[in-house]
Amino acid sequence: MTEIDYALNQKQDTEIIELVGTVLWNKASETSSFTELSQYEQHFIYIDIFESELINGGIFDFFYNTSGAYAHQVLEAYQAIKADESANLVHEALKSFPELPVPKDILMRRSLMKNIDDSIEKQWEALEVSFLNSKEDIVSLLIDYIKVHKTYFEY
């Protein structure tokens, strides 16, 4: 039994997600970067990164921190797992960023963010509330995605 099989056999969905996350981050630590993982594994990681930032600091922090380098990949990840509501919310956040595509370079992003209008920050805060109030079941969508692409998650 693989670690992914073990994870998928857990009774609680949150346990599955936590175990898969642990497997993927461990796997990533053995390579130079999580970007060396399969595209499917990266989708999981991008959502994990975004949701951690969202809970711990919000959309402003997501863009401001190193995580902002993956802004467009986060959108692609939500689209890949068919999380349409979340993808739309991320898309709205991206559209309001001062420059598109959102720069990967952290210093460039931070420089652009120095001058953002208060209305953009308020929009991001409203999007955060929408994320938190969303009825979209990201955990179930991720589990379904992992099951469909399980061979790409093997360790």
N, C-alpha and C. Protein backbone atom coordinates (compact mmCIF):
# COMPACT_ATOMS: atom_id res chain seq x y z
N MET A 1 0.85 -1.18 0.00
CA MET A 1 0.00 0.00 0.00
C MET A 1 0.89 1.24 0.00
N THR A 2 0.60 2.17 -0.91
CA THR A 2 1.38 3.41 -0.97
C THR A 2 0.89 4.38 0.11
N GLU A 3 1.66 5.41 0.33
CA GLU A 3 1.26 6.43 1.30
C GLU A 3 -0.01 7.15 0.86
N ILE A 4 -0.17 7.32 -0.44
CA ILE A 4 -1.39 7.96 -0.94
C ILE A 4 -2.59 7.04 -0.74
N ASP A 5 -2.42 5.74 -0.99
CA ASP A 5 -3.51 4.79 -0.71
C ASP A 5 -3.89 4.84 0.77
N TYR A 6 -2.87 4.85 1.62
CA TYR A 6 -3.12 4.92 3.05
C TYR A 6 -3.91 6.19 3.39
N ALA A 7 -3.48 7.31 2.84
CA ALA A 7 -4.16 8.58 3.10
C ALA A 7 -5.61 8.52 2.63
N LEU A 8 -5.83 8.00 1.43
CA LEU A 8 -7.19 7.95 0.88
C LEU A 8 -8.10 6.98 1.63
N ASN A 9 -7.53 6.09 2.41
CA ASN A 9 -8.33 5.14 3.18
C ASN A 9 -8.75 5.66 4.55
N GLN A 10 -8.37 6.90 4.86
CA GLN A 10 -8.77 7.46 6.14
C GLN A 10 -10.26 7.76 6.14
N LYS A 11 -10.86 7.75 7.32
CA LYS A 11 -12.30 7.95 7.43
C LYS A 11 -12.71 9.42 7.29
N GLN A 12 -11.89 10.31 7.81
CA GLN A 12 -12.24 11.73 7.77
C GLN A 12 -11.51 12.43 6.62
N ASP A 13 -12.27 13.23 5.89
CA ASP A 13 -11.69 13.94 4.75
C ASP A 13 -10.53 14.84 5.15
N THR A 14 -10.64 15.48 6.30
CA THR A 14 -9.54 16.37 6.73
C THR A 14 -8.26 15.57 6.98
N GLU A 15 -8.39 14.35 7.47
CA GLU A 15 -7.21 13.49 7.67
C GLU A 15 -6.58 13.14 6.33
N ILE A 16 -7.41 12.87 5.34
CA ILE A 16 -6.89 12.55 4.01
C ILE A 16 -6.07 13.72 3.49
N ILE A 17 -6.64 14.91 3.56
CA ILE A 17 -5.95 16.10 3.04
C ILE A 17 -4.65 16.35 3.81
N GLU A 18 -4.69 16.23 5.12
CA GLU A 18 -3.48 16.45 5.92
C GLU A 18 -2.39 15.44 5.57
N LEU A 19 -2.77 14.19 5.42
CA LEU A 19 -1.78 13.16 5.08
C LEU A 19 -1.22 13.34 3.67
N VAL A 20 -2.08 13.65 2.72
CA VAL A 20 -1.59 13.89 1.36
C VAL A 20 -0.65 15.09 1.36
N GLY A 21 -1.03 16.13 2.08
CA GLY A 21 -0.16 17.31 2.18
C GLY A 21 1.19 16.95 2.77
N THR A 22 1.20 16.16 3.80
CA THR A 22 2.46 15.74 4.42
C THR A 22 3.31 14.95 3.43
N VAL A 23 2.68 14.02 2.72
CA VAL A 23 3.40 13.23 1.72
C VAL A 23 4.02 14.15 0.66
N LEU A 24 3.22 15.08 0.16
CA LEU A 24 3.72 15.95 -0.91
C LEU A 24 4.82 16.90 -0.45
N TRP A 25 4.66 17.47 0.74
CA TRP A 25 5.70 18.37 1.24
C TRP A 25 6.97 17.60 1.55
N ASN A 26 6.84 16.36 2.05
CA ASN A 26 8.03 15.52 2.27
C ASN A 26 8.71 15.19 0.94
N LYS A 27 7.90 14.85 -0.04
CA LYS A 27 8.43 14.56 -1.37
C LYS A 27 9.13 15.80 -1.94
N ALA A 28 8.52 16.95 -1.77
CA ALA A 28 9.11 18.20 -2.27
C ALA A 28 10.43 18.52 -1.58
N SER A 29 10.54 18.18 -0.30
CA SER A 29 11.77 18.48 0.44
C SER A 29 12.95 17.65 -0.07
N GLU A 30 12.65 16.56 -0.77
CA GLU A 30 13.70 15.72 -1.33
C GLU A 30 14.17 16.22 -2.70
N THR A 31 13.44 17.17 -3.25
CA THR A 31 13.82 17.77 -4.53
C THR A 31 14.24 19.21 -4.26
N SER A 32 14.61 19.90 -5.30
CA SER A 32 15.03 21.29 -5.10
C SER A 32 13.84 22.21 -4.82
N SER A 33 12.64 21.80 -5.22
CA SER A 33 11.47 22.65 -5.04
C SER A 33 10.20 21.83 -5.29
N PHE A 34 9.10 22.29 -4.72
CA PHE A 34 7.83 21.60 -4.98
C PHE A 34 7.45 21.72 -6.45
N THR A 35 8.07 22.65 -7.17
CA THR A 35 7.77 22.78 -8.59
C THR A 35 8.34 21.62 -9.40
N GLU A 36 9.11 20.74 -8.73
CA GLU A 36 9.61 19.53 -9.37
C GLU A 36 8.58 18.40 -9.30
N LEU A 37 7.53 18.60 -8.53
CA LEU A 37 6.48 17.59 -8.42
C LEU A 37 5.63 17.57 -9.69
N SER A 38 4.78 16.55 -9.83
CA SER A 38 3.91 16.49 -10.99
C SER A 38 2.95 17.68 -10.98
N GLN A 39 2.41 17.98 -12.14
CA GLN A 39 1.45 19.08 -12.26
C GLN A 39 0.29 18.88 -11.31
N TYR A 40 -0.17 17.63 -11.15
CA TYR A 40 -1.31 17.32 -10.30
C TYR A 40 -0.97 17.56 -8.83
N GLU A 41 0.23 17.17 -8.45
CA GLU A 41 0.69 17.41 -7.08
C GLU A 41 0.85 18.91 -6.84
N GLN A 42 1.35 19.61 -7.82
CA GLN A 42 1.51 21.06 -7.69
C GLN A 42 0.15 21.75 -7.50
N HIS A 43 -0.86 21.27 -8.18
CA HIS A 43 -2.20 21.85 -7.99
C HIS A 43 -2.60 21.78 -6.53
N PHE A 44 -2.37 20.63 -5.92
CA PHE A 44 -2.67 20.48 -4.49
C PHE A 44 -1.87 21.50 -3.68
N ILE A 45 -0.57 21.60 -3.95
CA ILE A 45 0.31 22.50 -3.21
C ILE A 45 -0.11 23.96 -3.37
N TYR A 46 -0.43 24.37 -4.60
CA TYR A 46 -0.84 25.77 -4.82
C TYR A 46 -2.09 26.12 -4.02
N ILE A 47 -3.04 25.21 -3.98
CA ILE A 47 -4.25 25.46 -3.19
C ILE A 47 -3.90 25.50 -1.71
N ASP A 48 -3.04 24.61 -1.28
CA ASP A 48 -2.60 24.59 0.11
C ASP A 48 -1.93 25.93 0.49
N ILE A 49 -1.04 26.39 -0.36
CA ILE A 49 -0.34 27.66 -0.11
C ILE A 49 -1.34 28.80 -0.04
N PHE A 50 -2.23 28.88 -1.03
CA PHE A 50 -3.18 29.98 -1.06
C PHE A 50 -4.10 29.97 0.16
N GLU A 51 -4.64 28.82 0.49
CA GLU A 51 -5.58 28.76 1.60
C GLU A 51 -4.89 29.05 2.93
N SER A 52 -3.63 28.67 3.06
CA SER A 52 -2.88 29.02 4.27
C SER A 52 -2.70 30.53 4.38
N GLU A 53 -2.35 31.16 3.28
CA GLU A 53 -2.20 32.63 3.28
C GLU A 53 -3.54 33.31 3.55
N LEU A 54 -4.58 32.79 2.93
CA LEU A 54 -5.91 33.38 3.10
C LEU A 54 -6.31 33.38 4.57
N ILE A 55 -6.08 32.27 5.25
CA ILE A 55 -6.46 32.15 6.65
C ILE A 55 -5.53 32.96 7.56
N ASN A 56 -4.26 32.98 7.23
CA ASN A 56 -3.27 33.60 8.12
C ASN A 56 -3.03 35.09 7.87
N GLY A 57 -3.45 35.61 6.75
CA GLY A 57 -3.18 37.02 6.50
C GLY A 57 -4.03 37.65 5.43
N GLY A 58 -4.65 36.83 4.62
CA GLY A 58 -5.53 37.36 3.60
C GLY A 58 -4.87 37.49 2.23
N ILE A 59 -5.63 38.03 1.32
CA ILE A 59 -5.19 38.15 -0.06
C ILE A 59 -4.02 39.12 -0.19
N PHE A 60 -4.05 40.21 0.58
CA PHE A 60 -2.93 41.15 0.53
C PHE A 60 -1.63 40.41 0.87
N ASP A 61 -1.64 39.64 1.95
CA ASP A 61 -0.45 38.90 2.35
C ASP A 61 -0.06 37.86 1.31
N PHE A 62 -1.05 37.23 0.69
CA PHE A 62 -0.75 36.26 -0.35
C PHE A 62 0.08 36.91 -1.45
N PHE A 63 -0.37 38.04 -1.95
CA PHE A 63 0.37 38.73 -3.01
C PHE A 63 1.70 39.27 -2.49
N TYR A 64 1.74 39.76 -1.27
CA TYR A 64 2.92 40.41 -0.71
C TYR A 64 4.05 39.43 -0.41
N ASN A 65 3.68 38.24 0.00
CA ASN A 65 4.68 37.24 0.39
C ASN A 65 5.17 36.44 -0.83
N THR A 66 6.10 35.54 -0.59
CA THR A 66 6.65 34.74 -1.69
C THR A 66 5.55 33.96 -2.43
N SER A 67 4.48 33.66 -1.74
CA SER A 67 3.37 32.91 -2.35
C SER A 67 2.78 33.64 -3.56
N GLY A 68 2.87 34.94 -3.59
CA GLY A 68 2.30 35.71 -4.70
C GLY A 68 2.92 35.38 -6.04
N ALA A 69 4.10 34.79 -6.03
CA ALA A 69 4.75 34.38 -7.28
C ALA A 69 3.91 33.32 -8.01
N TYR A 70 3.03 32.67 -7.28
CA TYR A 70 2.24 31.58 -7.84
C TYR A 70 0.77 31.97 -8.04
N ALA A 71 0.51 33.25 -8.12
CA ALA A 71 -0.88 33.73 -8.20
C ALA A 71 -1.65 33.09 -9.35
N HIS A 72 -1.06 33.05 -10.52
CA HIS A 72 -1.77 32.50 -11.68
C HIS A 72 -1.88 30.98 -11.60
N GLN A 73 -0.89 30.34 -10.97
CA GLN A 73 -0.96 28.89 -10.79
C GLN A 73 -2.07 28.50 -9.82
N VAL A 74 -2.33 29.37 -8.84
CA VAL A 74 -3.42 29.12 -7.89
C VAL A 74 -4.75 29.08 -8.66
N LEU A 75 -4.94 30.05 -9.54
CA LEU A 75 -6.15 30.08 -10.35
C LEU A 75 -6.27 28.79 -11.17
N GLU A 76 -5.19 28.38 -11.82
CA GLU A 76 -5.19 27.15 -12.61
C GLU A 76 -5.50 25.93 -11.74
N ALA A 77 -5.00 25.93 -10.52
CA ALA A 77 -5.23 24.79 -9.63
C ALA A 77 -6.71 24.67 -9.26
N TYR A 78 -7.34 25.79 -8.92
CA TYR A 78 -8.77 25.74 -8.61
C TYR A 78 -9.57 25.31 -9.83
N GLN A 79 -9.18 25.79 -11.01
CA GLN A 79 -9.87 25.37 -12.23
C GLN A 79 -9.68 23.87 -12.46
N ALA A 80 -8.48 23.37 -12.21
CA ALA A 80 -8.19 21.95 -12.43
C ALA A 80 -9.04 21.03 -11.56
N ILE A 81 -9.30 21.44 -10.32
CA ILE A 81 -10.10 20.58 -9.43
C ILE A 81 -11.60 20.86 -9.58
N LYS A 82 -11.93 21.77 -10.49
CA LYS A 82 -13.32 22.15 -10.77
C LYS A 82 -13.98 22.90 -9.62
N ALA A 83 -13.17 23.72 -8.95
CA ALA A 83 -13.68 24.58 -7.89
C ALA A 83 -14.00 25.94 -8.54
N ASP A 84 -15.13 25.97 -9.23
CA ASP A 84 -15.47 27.14 -10.05
C ASP A 84 -15.66 28.42 -9.24
N GLU A 85 -16.31 28.31 -8.10
CA GLU A 85 -16.54 29.50 -7.28
C GLU A 85 -15.21 30.07 -6.78
N SER A 86 -14.35 29.22 -6.29
CA SER A 86 -13.04 29.67 -5.82
C SER A 86 -12.20 30.23 -6.95
N ALA A 87 -12.25 29.57 -8.11
CA ALA A 87 -11.52 30.06 -9.27
C ALA A 87 -11.99 31.46 -9.65
N ASN A 88 -13.29 31.68 -9.60
CA ASN A 88 -13.82 33.01 -9.91
C ASN A 88 -13.35 34.06 -8.91
N LEU A 89 -13.31 33.69 -7.64
CA LEU A 89 -12.85 34.63 -6.61
C LEU A 89 -11.37 34.96 -6.79
N VAL A 90 -10.55 33.95 -7.08
CA VAL A 90 -9.13 34.20 -7.33
C VAL A 90 -8.97 35.07 -8.57
N HIS A 91 -9.76 34.79 -9.59
CA HIS A 91 -9.71 35.58 -10.82
C HIS A 91 -10.01 37.05 -10.52
N GLU A 92 -11.00 37.30 -9.69
CA GLU A 92 -11.33 38.68 -9.30
C GLU A 92 -10.17 39.34 -8.57
N ALA A 93 -9.53 38.60 -7.69
CA ALA A 93 -8.38 39.14 -6.96
C ALA A 93 -7.24 39.47 -7.93
N LEU A 94 -7.01 38.58 -8.88
CA LEU A 94 -5.95 38.81 -9.87
C LEU A 94 -6.25 40.04 -10.72
N LYS A 95 -7.50 40.15 -11.17
CA LYS A 95 -7.87 41.28 -12.03
C LYS A 95 -7.64 42.62 -11.36
N SER A 96 -7.74 42.65 -10.05
CA SER A 96 -7.59 43.92 -9.35
C SER A 96 -6.14 44.23 -8.98
N PHE A 97 -5.23 43.28 -9.24
CA PHE A 97 -3.81 43.55 -8.96
C PHE A 97 -3.34 44.65 -9.92
N PRO A 98 -2.44 45.53 -9.46
CA PRO A 98 -2.05 46.68 -10.28
C PRO A 98 -1.42 46.37 -11.64
N GLU A 99 -0.88 45.17 -11.81
CA GLU A 99 -0.25 44.82 -13.08
C GLU A 99 -0.50 43.34 -13.37
N LEU A 100 -0.83 43.06 -14.62
CA LEU A 100 -1.03 41.68 -15.03
C LEU A 100 -0.08 41.34 -16.16
N PRO A 101 0.45 40.14 -16.19
CA PRO A 101 0.29 39.15 -15.14
C PRO A 101 0.96 39.61 -13.85
N VAL A 102 0.50 39.06 -12.74
CA VAL A 102 1.09 39.39 -11.44
C VAL A 102 2.57 38.98 -11.52
N PRO A 103 3.46 39.91 -11.22
CA PRO A 103 4.90 39.59 -11.32
C PRO A 103 5.32 38.48 -10.36
N LYS A 104 6.19 37.62 -10.85
CA LYS A 104 6.75 36.57 -9.99
C LYS A 104 7.76 37.16 -9.01
N ASP A 105 8.43 38.21 -9.42
CA ASP A 105 9.45 38.84 -8.59
C ASP A 105 8.82 39.54 -7.39
N ILE A 106 9.24 39.13 -6.19
CA ILE A 106 8.63 39.64 -4.96
C ILE A 106 8.85 41.15 -4.79
N LEU A 107 10.03 41.63 -5.15
CA LEU A 107 10.30 43.07 -5.00
C LEU A 107 9.44 43.89 -5.95
N MET A 108 9.23 43.39 -7.14
CA MET A 108 8.37 44.10 -8.09
C MET A 108 6.93 44.11 -7.60
N ARG A 109 6.45 42.95 -7.09
CA ARG A 109 5.08 42.90 -6.55
C ARG A 109 4.92 43.87 -5.41
N ARG A 110 5.87 43.86 -4.50
CA ARG A 110 5.78 44.75 -3.33
C ARG A 110 5.83 46.21 -3.74
N SER A 111 6.63 46.52 -4.71
CA SER A 111 6.71 47.89 -5.20
C SER A 111 5.36 48.33 -5.77
N LEU A 112 4.74 47.47 -6.55
CA LEU A 112 3.42 47.78 -7.11
C LEU A 112 2.37 47.92 -6.02
N MET A 113 2.51 47.13 -4.96
CA MET A 113 1.51 47.13 -3.89
C MET A 113 1.61 48.34 -2.98
N LYS A 114 2.74 49.03 -3.00
CA LYS A 114 2.89 50.23 -2.17
C LYS A 114 1.85 51.28 -2.49
N ASN A 115 1.45 51.31 -3.73
CA ASN A 115 0.56 52.38 -4.19
C ASN A 115 -0.86 51.92 -4.49
N ILE A 116 -1.24 50.76 -3.99
CA ILE A 116 -2.59 50.32 -4.33
C ILE A 116 -3.62 51.18 -3.62
N ASP A 117 -4.70 51.34 -4.29
CA ASP A 117 -5.82 52.13 -3.82
C ASP A 117 -6.54 51.40 -2.69
N ASP A 118 -7.09 52.15 -1.76
CA ASP A 118 -7.86 51.54 -0.66
C ASP A 118 -9.01 50.69 -1.18
N SER A 119 -9.55 51.07 -2.32
CA SER A 119 -10.67 50.31 -2.87
C SER A 119 -10.24 48.89 -3.25
N ILE A 120 -8.99 48.72 -3.66
CA ILE A 120 -8.49 47.38 -3.99
C ILE A 120 -8.39 46.55 -2.73
N GLU A 121 -7.83 47.14 -1.67
CA GLU A 121 -7.74 46.40 -0.40
C GLU A 121 -9.13 46.02 0.10
N LYS A 122 -10.09 46.92 -0.05
CA LYS A 122 -11.45 46.61 0.38
C LYS A 122 -12.05 45.50 -0.47
N GLN A 123 -11.75 45.51 -1.76
CA GLN A 123 -12.23 44.44 -2.63
C GLN A 123 -11.62 43.11 -2.21
N TRP A 124 -10.31 43.10 -1.91
CA TRP A 124 -9.67 41.86 -1.47
C TRP A 124 -10.28 41.37 -0.16
N GLU A 125 -10.58 42.30 0.74
CA GLU A 125 -11.21 41.91 2.01
C GLU A 125 -12.58 41.30 1.76
N ALA A 126 -13.34 41.87 0.82
CA ALA A 126 -14.65 41.32 0.48
C ALA A 126 -14.51 39.93 -0.14
N LEU A 127 -13.49 39.75 -0.96
CA LEU A 127 -13.24 38.43 -1.56
C LEU A 127 -12.86 37.41 -0.48
N GLU A 128 -12.11 37.85 0.52
CA GLU A 128 -11.76 36.96 1.63
C GLU A 128 -13.02 36.48 2.34
N VAL A 129 -13.94 37.40 2.58
CA VAL A 129 -15.21 37.04 3.23
C VAL A 129 -15.96 36.04 2.35
N SER A 130 -15.96 36.29 1.05
CA SER A 130 -16.64 35.36 0.13
C SER A 130 -16.01 33.98 0.18
N PHE A 131 -14.68 33.92 0.24
CA PHE A 131 -14.00 32.63 0.37
C PHE A 131 -14.43 31.93 1.65
N LEU A 132 -14.39 32.65 2.75
CA LEU A 132 -14.71 32.05 4.04
C LEU A 132 -16.16 31.63 4.15
N ASN A 133 -17.05 32.32 3.44
CA ASN A 133 -18.47 31.99 3.48
C ASN A 133 -18.89 31.02 2.37
N SER A 134 -17.96 30.65 1.54
CA SER A 134 -18.26 29.79 0.40
C SER A 134 -18.75 28.42 0.87
N LYS A 135 -19.71 27.91 0.17
CA LYS A 135 -20.23 26.55 0.43
C LYS A 135 -19.52 25.51 -0.43
N GLU A 136 -18.59 25.97 -1.28
CA GLU A 136 -17.86 25.05 -2.14
C GLU A 136 -16.98 24.15 -1.28
N ASP A 137 -17.09 22.86 -1.50
CA ASP A 137 -16.37 21.88 -0.68
C ASP A 137 -15.02 21.56 -1.32
N ILE A 138 -14.04 22.40 -1.04
CA ILE A 138 -12.70 22.26 -1.61
C ILE A 138 -12.08 20.92 -1.21
N VAL A 139 -12.28 20.52 0.02
CA VAL A 139 -11.70 19.27 0.50
C VAL A 139 -12.20 18.10 -0.35
N SER A 140 -13.50 18.00 -0.56
CA SER A 140 -14.06 16.91 -1.37
C SER A 140 -13.58 16.99 -2.82
N LEU A 141 -13.53 18.20 -3.36
CA LEU A 141 -13.05 18.37 -4.73
C LEU A 141 -11.59 17.94 -4.85
N LEU A 142 -10.77 18.28 -3.86
CA LEU A 142 -9.37 17.85 -3.87
C LEU A 142 -9.25 16.33 -3.77
N ILE A 143 -10.03 15.74 -2.90
CA ILE A 143 -9.98 14.28 -2.73
C ILE A 143 -10.38 13.60 -4.04
N ASP A 144 -11.44 14.07 -4.66
CA ASP A 144 -11.86 13.50 -5.95
C ASP A 144 -10.75 13.65 -6.99
N TYR A 145 -10.11 14.80 -7.00
CA TYR A 145 -9.02 15.08 -7.93
C TYR A 145 -7.84 14.13 -7.69
N ILE A 146 -7.52 13.92 -6.44
CA ILE A 146 -6.42 13.00 -6.09
C ILE A 146 -6.76 11.58 -6.54
N LYS A 147 -7.98 11.17 -6.30
CA LYS A 147 -8.39 9.81 -6.69
C LYS A 147 -8.30 9.61 -8.20
N VAL A 148 -8.73 10.59 -8.97
CA VAL A 148 -8.70 10.49 -10.42
C VAL A 148 -7.26 10.45 -10.94
N HIS A 149 -6.38 11.20 -10.28
CA HIS A 149 -4.99 11.32 -10.75
C HIS A 149 -4.00 10.65 -9.79
N LYS A 150 -4.47 9.61 -9.12
CA LYS A 150 -3.70 8.98 -8.04
C LYS A 150 -2.29 8.55 -8.46
N THR A 151 -2.14 8.05 -9.64
CA THR A 151 -0.82 7.58 -10.06
C THR A 151 0.22 8.70 -10.09
N TYR A 152 -0.25 9.92 -10.23
CA TYR A 152 0.68 11.08 -10.23
C TYR A 152 1.04 11.54 -8.82
N PHE A 153 0.38 10.96 -7.83
CA PHE A 153 0.62 11.31 -6.44
C PHE A 153 1.45 10.25 -5.72
N GLU A 154 1.83 9.21 -6.42
CA GLU A 154 2.57 8.12 -5.76
C GLU A 154 3.95 8.60 -5.32
N TYR A 155 4.40 8.00 -4.23
CA TYR A 155 5.67 8.43 -3.64
C TYR A 155 6.58 7.24 -3.58
